Amino acid sequence: MSDRLLTARELAEYLGLRPATILDKWERGELPGYKFGRAVRFDLDEILELGRQGAGPPSNSVSTLDVMHRIP
């Protein structure tokens, strides 16, 4: 687990997506996240690992290429 969890806005900025898209994908189970009260947070290491594995449904999901192109 990363030292710091990201907000949907921070993760969206990193991946080049909209925060609403990140939350939609989390609600559909396409992205792992943690709910703290009303807030949802994301572990960047888990998201990157998901992209490396190519896990999840192929359509409308964060693919390996989506994540790998955005790794600095």
PDB file of N, CA and C in Angstrom:
ATOM      1  N   MET A   1       0.843  -1.173   0.000  1.00  0.00           N
ATOM      2  CA  MET A   1       0.000   0.000   0.000  1.00  0.00           C
ATOM      3  C   MET A   1       0.889   1.237   0.000  1.00  0.00           C
ATOM      4  N   SER A   2       0.465   2.239  -0.735  1.00  0.00           N
ATOM      5  CA  SER A   2       1.193   3.506  -0.791  1.00  0.00           C
ATOM      6  C   SER A   2       1.166   4.190   0.558  1.00  0.00           C
ATOM      7  N   ASP A   3       2.117   5.077   0.754  1.00  0.00           N
ATOM      8  CA  ASP A   3       2.146   5.874   1.979  1.00  0.00           C
ATOM      9  C   ASP A   3       0.969   6.835   2.045  1.00  0.00           C
ATOM     10  N   ARG A   4       0.483   7.227   0.875  1.00  0.00           N
ATOM     11  CA  ARG A   4      -0.582   8.227   0.811  1.00  0.00           C
ATOM     12  C   ARG A   4      -1.653   7.754  -0.160  1.00  0.00           C
ATOM     13  N   LEU A   5      -2.901   7.893   0.240  1.00  0.00           N
ATOM     14  CA  LEU A   5      -4.020   7.550  -0.636  1.00  0.00           C
ATOM     15  C   LEU A   5      -4.446   8.792  -1.407  1.00  0.00           C
ATOM     16  N   LEU A   6      -4.901   8.593  -2.643  1.00  0.00           N
ATOM     17  CA  LEU A   6      -5.290   9.695  -3.510  1.00  0.00           C
ATOM     18  C   LEU A   6      -6.796   9.889  -3.535  1.00  0.00           C
ATOM     19  N   THR A   7      -7.213  11.124  -3.733  1.00  0.00           N
ATOM     20  CA  THR A   7      -8.624  11.413  -3.955  1.00  0.00           C
ATOM     21  C   THR A   7      -8.957  11.048  -5.402  1.00  0.00           C
ATOM     22  N   ALA A   8     -10.239  11.015  -5.721  1.00  0.00           N
ATOM     23  CA  ALA A   8     -10.657  10.755  -7.099  1.00  0.00           C
ATOM     24  C   ALA A   8     -10.111  11.847  -8.017  1.00  0.00           C
ATOM     25  N   ARG A   9     -10.089  13.063  -7.545  1.00  0.00           N
ATOM     26  CA  ARG A   9      -9.573  14.184  -8.352  1.00  0.00           C
ATOM     27  C   ARG A   9      -8.083  13.991  -8.649  1.00  0.00           C
ATOM     28  N   GLU A  10      -7.311  13.625  -7.629  1.00  0.00           N
ATOM     29  CA  GLU A  10      -5.873  13.427  -7.820  1.00  0.00           C
ATOM     30  C   GLU A  10      -5.590  12.263  -8.764  1.00  0.00           C
ATOM     31  N   LEU A  11      -6.318  11.162  -8.586  1.00  0.00           N
ATOM     32  CA  LEU A  11      -6.124  10.013  -9.457  1.00  0.00           C
ATOM     33  C   LEU A  11      -6.547  10.337 -10.890  1.00  0.00           C
ATOM     34  N   ALA A  12      -7.642  11.054 -11.027  1.00  0.00           N
ATOM     35  CA  ALA A  12      -8.118  11.439 -12.359  1.00  0.00           C
ATOM     36  C   ALA A  12      -7.086  12.309 -13.066  1.00  0.00           C
ATOM     37  N   GLU A  13      -6.503  13.235 -12.345  1.00  0.00           N
ATOM     38  CA  GLU A  13      -5.467  14.097 -12.915  1.00  0.00           C
ATOM     39  C   GLU A  13      -4.270  13.261 -13.374  1.00  0.00           C
ATOM     40  N   TYR A  14      -3.870  12.313 -12.565  1.00  0.00           N
ATOM     41  CA  TYR A  14      -2.735  11.449 -12.883  1.00  0.00           C
ATOM     42  C   TYR A  14      -3.004  10.605 -14.131  1.00  0.00           C
ATOM     43  N   LEU A  15      -4.234  10.079 -14.242  1.00  0.00           N
ATOM     44  CA  LEU A  15      -4.582   9.195 -15.351  1.00  0.00           C
ATOM     45  C   LEU A  15      -5.144   9.924 -16.565  1.00  0.00           C
ATOM     46  N   GLY A  16      -5.391  11.224 -16.427  1.00  0.00           N
ATOM     47  CA  GLY A  16      -5.948  11.978 -17.551  1.00  0.00           C
ATOM     48  C   GLY A  16      -7.430  11.711 -17.768  1.00  0.00           C
ATOM     49  N   LEU A  17      -8.130  11.414 -16.684  1.00  0.00           N
ATOM     50  CA  LEU A  17      -9.568  11.166 -16.740  1.00  0.00           C
ATOM     51  C   LEU A  17     -10.292  12.202 -15.894  1.00  0.00           C
ATOM     52  N   ARG A  18     -11.612  12.169 -15.940  1.00  0.00           N
ATOM     53  CA  ARG A  18     -12.400  13.052 -15.083  1.00  0.00           C
ATOM     54  C   ARG A  18     -12.634  12.374 -13.741  1.00  0.00           C
ATOM     55  N   PRO A  19     -12.730  13.149 -12.662  1.00  0.00           N
ATOM     56  CA  PRO A  19     -13.022  12.554 -11.353  1.00  0.00           C
ATOM     57  C   PRO A  19     -14.303  11.724 -11.358  1.00  0.00           C
ATOM     58  N   ALA A  20     -15.306  12.168 -12.084  1.00  0.00           N
ATOM     59  CA  ALA A  20     -16.570  11.417 -12.156  1.00  0.00           C
ATOM     60  C   ALA A  20     -16.350  10.041 -12.787  1.00  0.00           C
ATOM     61  N   THR A  21     -15.458   9.965 -13.766  1.00  0.00           N
ATOM     62  CA  THR A  21     -15.145   8.681 -14.406  1.00  0.00           C
ATOM     63  C   THR A  21     -14.480   7.743 -13.412  1.00  0.00           C
ATOM     64  N   ILE A  22     -13.555   8.274 -12.618  1.00  0.00           N
ATOM     65  CA  ILE A  22     -12.880   7.466 -11.600  1.00  0.00           C
ATOM     66  C   ILE A  22     -13.911   6.905 -10.620  1.00  0.00           C
ATOM     67  N   LEU A  23     -14.807   7.749 -10.144  1.00  0.00           N
ATOM     68  CA  LEU A  23     -15.820   7.299  -9.186  1.00  0.00           C
ATOM     69  C   LEU A  23     -16.795   6.310  -9.814  1.00  0.00           C
ATOM     70  N   ASP A  24     -17.160   6.531 -11.065  1.00  0.00           N
ATOM     71  CA  ASP A  24     -18.032   5.580 -11.766  1.00  0.00           C
ATOM     72  C   ASP A  24     -17.363   4.205 -11.862  1.00  0.00           C
ATOM     73  N   LYS A  25     -16.090   4.200 -12.218  1.00  0.00           N
ATOM     74  CA  LYS A  25     -15.359   2.931 -12.334  1.00  0.00           C
ATOM     75  C   LYS A  25     -15.234   2.255 -10.975  1.00  0.00           C
ATOM     76  N   TRP A  26     -15.049   3.026  -9.923  1.00  0.00           N
ATOM     77  CA  TRP A  26     -14.981   2.464  -8.570  1.00  0.00           C
ATOM     78  C   TRP A  26     -16.331   1.847  -8.191  1.00  0.00           C
ATOM     79  N   GLU A  27     -17.424   2.557  -8.478  1.00  0.00           N
ATOM     80  CA  GLU A  27     -18.756   2.044  -8.145  1.00  0.00           C
ATOM     81  C   GLU A  27     -19.063   0.758  -8.899  1.00  0.00           C
ATOM     82  N   ARG A  28     -18.561   0.619 -10.125  1.00  0.00           N
ATOM     83  CA  ARG A  28     -18.784  -0.598 -10.921  1.00  0.00           C
ATOM     84  C   ARG A  28     -17.807  -1.710 -10.558  1.00  0.00           C
ATOM     85  N   GLY A  29     -16.864  -1.426  -9.647  1.00  0.00           N
ATOM     86  CA  GLY A  29     -15.896  -2.438  -9.246  1.00  0.00           C
ATOM     87  C   GLY A  29     -14.715  -2.572 -10.184  1.00  0.00           C
ATOM     88  N   GLU A  30     -14.530  -1.617 -11.087  1.00  0.00           N
ATOM     89  CA  GLU A  30     -13.429  -1.668 -12.043  1.00  0.00           C
ATOM     90  C   GLU A  30     -12.136  -1.109 -11.462  1.00  0.00           C
ATOM     91  N   LEU A  31     -12.229  -0.303 -10.419  1.00  0.00           N
ATOM     92  CA  LEU A  31     -11.057   0.246  -9.743  1.00  0.00           C
ATOM     93  C   LEU A  31     -11.163  -0.032  -8.251  1.00  0.00           C
ATOM     94  N   PRO A  32     -10.059  -0.457  -7.627  1.00  0.00           N
ATOM     95  CA  PRO A  32     -10.090  -0.655  -6.175  1.00  0.00           C
ATOM     96  C   PRO A  32     -10.008   0.692  -5.458  1.00  0.00           C
ATOM     97  N   GLY A  33     -10.720   0.801  -4.368  1.00  0.00           N
ATOM     98  CA  GLY A  33     -10.686   2.025  -3.576  1.00  0.00           C
ATOM     99  C   GLY A  33     -11.174   1.747  -2.172  1.00  0.00           C
ATOM    100  N   TYR A  34     -10.985   2.725  -1.312  1.00  0.00           N
ATOM    101  CA  TYR A  34     -11.361   2.596   0.094  1.00  0.00           C
ATOM    102  C   TYR A  34     -12.321   3.711   0.455  1.00  0.00           C
ATOM    103  N   LYS A  35     -13.408   3.344   1.111  1.00  0.00           N
ATOM    104  CA  LYS A  35     -14.396   4.336   1.521  1.00  0.00           C
ATOM    105  C   LYS A  35     -14.197   4.659   2.997  1.00  0.00           C
ATOM    106  N   PHE A  36     -14.055   5.943   3.289  1.00  0.00           N
ATOM    107  CA  PHE A  36     -13.919   6.445   4.655  1.00  0.00           C
ATOM    108  C   PHE A  36     -15.073   7.417   4.875  1.00  0.00           C
ATOM    109  N   GLY A  37     -16.141   6.948   5.499  1.00  0.00           N
ATOM    110  CA  GLY A  37     -17.320   7.803   5.630  1.00  0.00           C
ATOM    111  C   GLY A  37     -17.891   8.063   4.248  1.00  0.00           C
ATOM    112  N   ARG A  38     -17.942   9.329   3.862  1.00  0.00           N
ATOM    113  CA  ARG A  38     -18.427   9.683   2.524  1.00  0.00           C
ATOM    114  C   ARG A  38     -17.303   9.807   1.506  1.00  0.00           C
ATOM    115  N   ALA A  39     -16.066   9.773   1.950  1.00  0.00           N
ATOM    116  CA  ALA A  39     -14.914   9.956   1.062  1.00  0.00           C
ATOM    117  C   ALA A  39     -14.419   8.611   0.521  1.00  0.00           C
ATOM    118  N   VAL A  40     -13.953   8.620  -0.719  1.00  0.00           N
ATOM    119  CA  VAL A  40     -13.340   7.452  -1.339  1.00  0.00           C
ATOM    120  C   VAL A  40     -11.896   7.818  -1.646  1.00  0.00           C
ATOM    121  N   ARG A  41     -10.978   6.918  -1.323  1.00  0.00           N
ATOM    122  CA  ARG A  41      -9.567   7.140  -1.585  1.00  0.00           C
ATOM    123  C   ARG A  41      -9.003   5.956  -2.359  1.00  0.00           C
ATOM    124  N   PHE A  42      -7.949   6.232  -3.124  1.00  0.00           N
ATOM    125  CA  PHE A  42      -7.372   5.239  -4.018  1.00  0.00           C
ATOM    126  C   PHE A  42      -5.878   5.098  -3.756  1.00  0.00           C
ATOM    127  N   ASP A  43      -5.402   3.848  -3.792  1.00  0.00           N
ATOM    128  CA  ASP A  43      -3.992   3.546  -3.620  1.00  0.00           C
ATOM    129  C   ASP A  43      -3.370   3.472  -5.018  1.00  0.00           C
ATOM    130  N   LEU A  44      -2.475   4.400  -5.332  1.00  0.00           N
ATOM    131  CA  LEU A  44      -1.882   4.449  -6.661  1.00  0.00           C
ATOM    132  C   LEU A  44      -1.150   3.151  -6.999  1.00  0.00           C
ATOM    133  N   ASP A  45      -0.478   2.553  -6.032  1.00  0.00           N
ATOM    134  CA  ASP A  45       0.219   1.286  -6.288  1.00  0.00           C
ATOM    135  C   ASP A  45      -0.758   0.203  -6.746  1.00  0.00           C
ATOM    136  N   GLU A  46      -1.925   0.137  -6.125  1.00  0.00           N
ATOM    137  CA  GLU A  46      -2.930  -0.867  -6.517  1.00  0.00           C
ATOM    138  C   GLU A  46      -3.463  -0.586  -7.920  1.00  0.00           C
ATOM    139  N   ILE A  47      -3.687   0.679  -8.235  1.00  0.00           N
ATOM    140  CA  ILE A  47      -4.195   1.051  -9.558  1.00  0.00           C
ATOM    141  C   ILE A  47      -3.153   0.697 -10.619  1.00  0.00           C
ATOM    142  N   LEU A  48      -1.892   1.013 -10.362  1.00  0.00           N
ATOM    143  CA  LEU A  48      -0.838   0.704 -11.332  1.00  0.00           C
ATOM    144  C   LEU A  48      -0.673  -0.797 -11.508  1.00  0.00           C
ATOM    145  N   GLU A  49      -0.772  -1.546 -10.431  1.00  0.00           N
ATOM    146  CA  GLU A  49      -0.673  -3.007 -10.520  1.00  0.00           C
ATOM    147  C   GLU A  49      -1.839  -3.574 -11.338  1.00  0.00           C
ATOM    148  N   LEU A  50      -3.005  -3.032 -11.137  1.00  0.00           N
ATOM    149  CA  LEU A  50      -4.172  -3.438 -11.915  1.00  0.00           C
ATOM    150  C   LEU A  50      -3.913  -3.214 -13.401  1.00  0.00           C
ATOM    151  N   GLY A  51      -3.340  -2.075 -13.724  1.00  0.00           N
ATOM    152  CA  GLY A  51      -3.021  -1.768 -15.116  1.00  0.00           C
ATOM    153  C   GLY A  51      -1.970  -2.712 -15.678  1.00  0.00           C
ATOM    154  N   ARG A  52      -0.980  -3.056 -14.872  1.00  0.00           N
ATOM    155  CA  ARG A  52       0.072  -3.978 -15.331  1.00  0.00           C
ATOM    156  C   ARG A  52      -0.488  -5.362 -15.592  1.00  0.00           C
ATOM    157  N   GLN A  53      -1.453  -5.782 -14.776  1.00  0.00           N
ATOM    158  CA  GLN A  53      -2.051  -7.111 -14.932  1.00  0.00           C
ATOM    159  C   GLN A  53      -3.061  -7.149 -16.057  1.00  0.00           C
ATOM    160  N   GLY A  54      -3.584  -5.978 -16.435  1.00  0.00           N
ATOM    161  CA  GLY A  54      -4.622  -5.946 -17.456  1.00  0.00           C
ATOM    162  C   GLY A  54      -5.927  -6.527 -16.949  1.00  0.00           C
ATOM    163  N   ALA A  55      -6.137  -6.455 -15.625  1.00  0.00           N
ATOM    164  CA  ALA A  55      -7.339  -7.029 -15.013  1.00  0.00           C
ATOM    165  C   ALA A  55      -8.563  -6.189 -15.326  1.00  0.00           C
ATOM    166  N   GLY A  56      -9.703  -6.839 -15.188  1.00  0.00           N
ATOM    167  CA  GLY A  56     -10.971  -6.139 -15.357  1.00  0.00           C
ATOM    168  C   GLY A  56     -11.522  -6.290 -16.753  1.00  0.00           C
ATOM    169  N   PRO A  57     -12.753  -5.859 -16.938  1.00  0.00           N
ATOM    170  CA  PRO A  57     -13.407  -5.952 -18.235  1.00  0.00           C
ATOM    171  C   PRO A  57     -12.667  -5.114 -19.275  1.00  0.00           C
ATOM    172  N   PRO A  58     -12.548  -5.600 -20.506  1.00  0.00           N
ATOM    173  CA  PRO A  58     -11.782  -4.877 -21.516  1.00  0.00           C
ATOM    174  C   PRO A  58     -12.417  -3.571 -21.971  1.00  0.00           C
ATOM    175  N   SER A  59     -13.723  -3.464 -21.978  1.00  0.00           N
ATOM    176  CA  SER A  59     -14.346  -2.232 -22.453  1.00  0.00           C
ATOM    177  C   SER A  59     -14.637  -1.295 -21.293  1.00  0.00           C
ATOM    178  N   ASN A  60     -14.394  -0.009 -21.522  1.00  0.00           N
ATOM    179  CA  ASN A  60     -14.669   1.033 -20.533  1.00  0.00           C
ATOM    180  C   ASN A  60     -13.948   0.834 -19.208  1.00  0.00           C
ATOM    181  N   SER A  61     -12.768   0.243 -19.239  1.00  0.00           N
ATOM    182  CA  SER A  61     -11.993   0.089 -18.018  1.00  0.00           C
ATOM    183  C   SER A  61     -10.625   0.709 -18.226  1.00  0.00           C
ATOM    184  N   VAL A  62      -9.927   0.926 -17.149  1.00  0.00           N
ATOM    185  CA  VAL A  62      -8.575   1.441 -17.246  1.00  0.00           C
ATOM    186  C   VAL A  62      -7.698   0.283 -17.678  1.00  0.00           C
ATOM    187  N   SER A  63      -7.182   0.338 -18.890  1.00  0.00           N
ATOM    188  CA  SER A  63      -6.392  -0.765 -19.420  1.00  0.00           C
ATOM    189  C   SER A  63      -4.924  -0.585 -19.081  1.00  0.00           C
ATOM    190  N   THR A  64      -4.169  -1.624 -19.358  1.00  0.00           N
ATOM    191  CA  THR A  64      -2.725  -1.563 -19.147  1.00  0.00           C
ATOM    192  C   THR A  64      -2.131  -0.402 -19.927  1.00  0.00           C
ATOM    193  N   LEU A  65      -2.550  -0.236 -21.164  1.00  0.00           N
ATOM    194  CA  LEU A  65      -2.013   0.851 -21.969  1.00  0.00           C
ATOM    195  C   LEU A  65      -2.401   2.213 -21.402  1.00  0.00           C
ATOM    196  N   ASP A  66      -3.634   2.362 -20.924  1.00  0.00           N
ATOM    197  CA  ASP A  66      -4.060   3.627 -20.327  1.00  0.00           C
ATOM    198  C   ASP A  66      -3.134   4.014 -19.183  1.00  0.00           C
ATOM    199  N   VAL A  67      -2.839   3.070 -18.317  1.00  0.00           N
ATOM    200  CA  VAL A  67      -2.027   3.361 -17.136  1.00  0.00           C
ATOM    201  C   VAL A  67      -0.569   3.515 -17.523  1.00  0.00           C
ATOM    202  N   MET A  68      -0.044   2.619 -18.340  1.00  0.00           N
ATOM    203  CA  MET A  68       1.379   2.632 -18.660  1.00  0.00           C
ATOM    204  C   MET A  68       1.780   3.895 -19.423  1.00  0.00           C
ATOM    205  N   HIS A  69       0.893   4.441 -20.240  1.00  0.00           N
ATOM    206  CA  HIS A  69       1.202   5.672 -20.971  1.00  0.00           C
ATOM    207  C   HIS A  69       1.297   6.867 -20.057  1.00  0.00           C
ATOM    208  N   ARG A  70       0.719   6.763 -18.881  1.00  0.00           N
ATOM    209  CA  ARG A  70       0.673   7.908 -17.982  1.00  0.00           C
ATOM    210  C   ARG A  70       1.679   7.814 -16.840  1.00  0.00           C
ATOM    211  N   ILE A  71       2.455   6.754 -16.786  1.00  0.00           N
ATOM    212  CA  ILE A  71       3.458   6.625 -15.739  1.00  0.00           C
ATOM    213  C   ILE A  71       4.606   7.571 -16.048  1.00  0.00           C
ATOM    214  N   PRO A  72       4.944   8.446 -15.117  1.00  0.00           N
ATOM    215  CA  PRO A  72       6.012   9.427 -15.383  1.00  0.00           C
ATOM    216  C   PRO A  72       7.378   8.781 -15.466  1.00  0.00           C
TER     217      PRO A  72
END
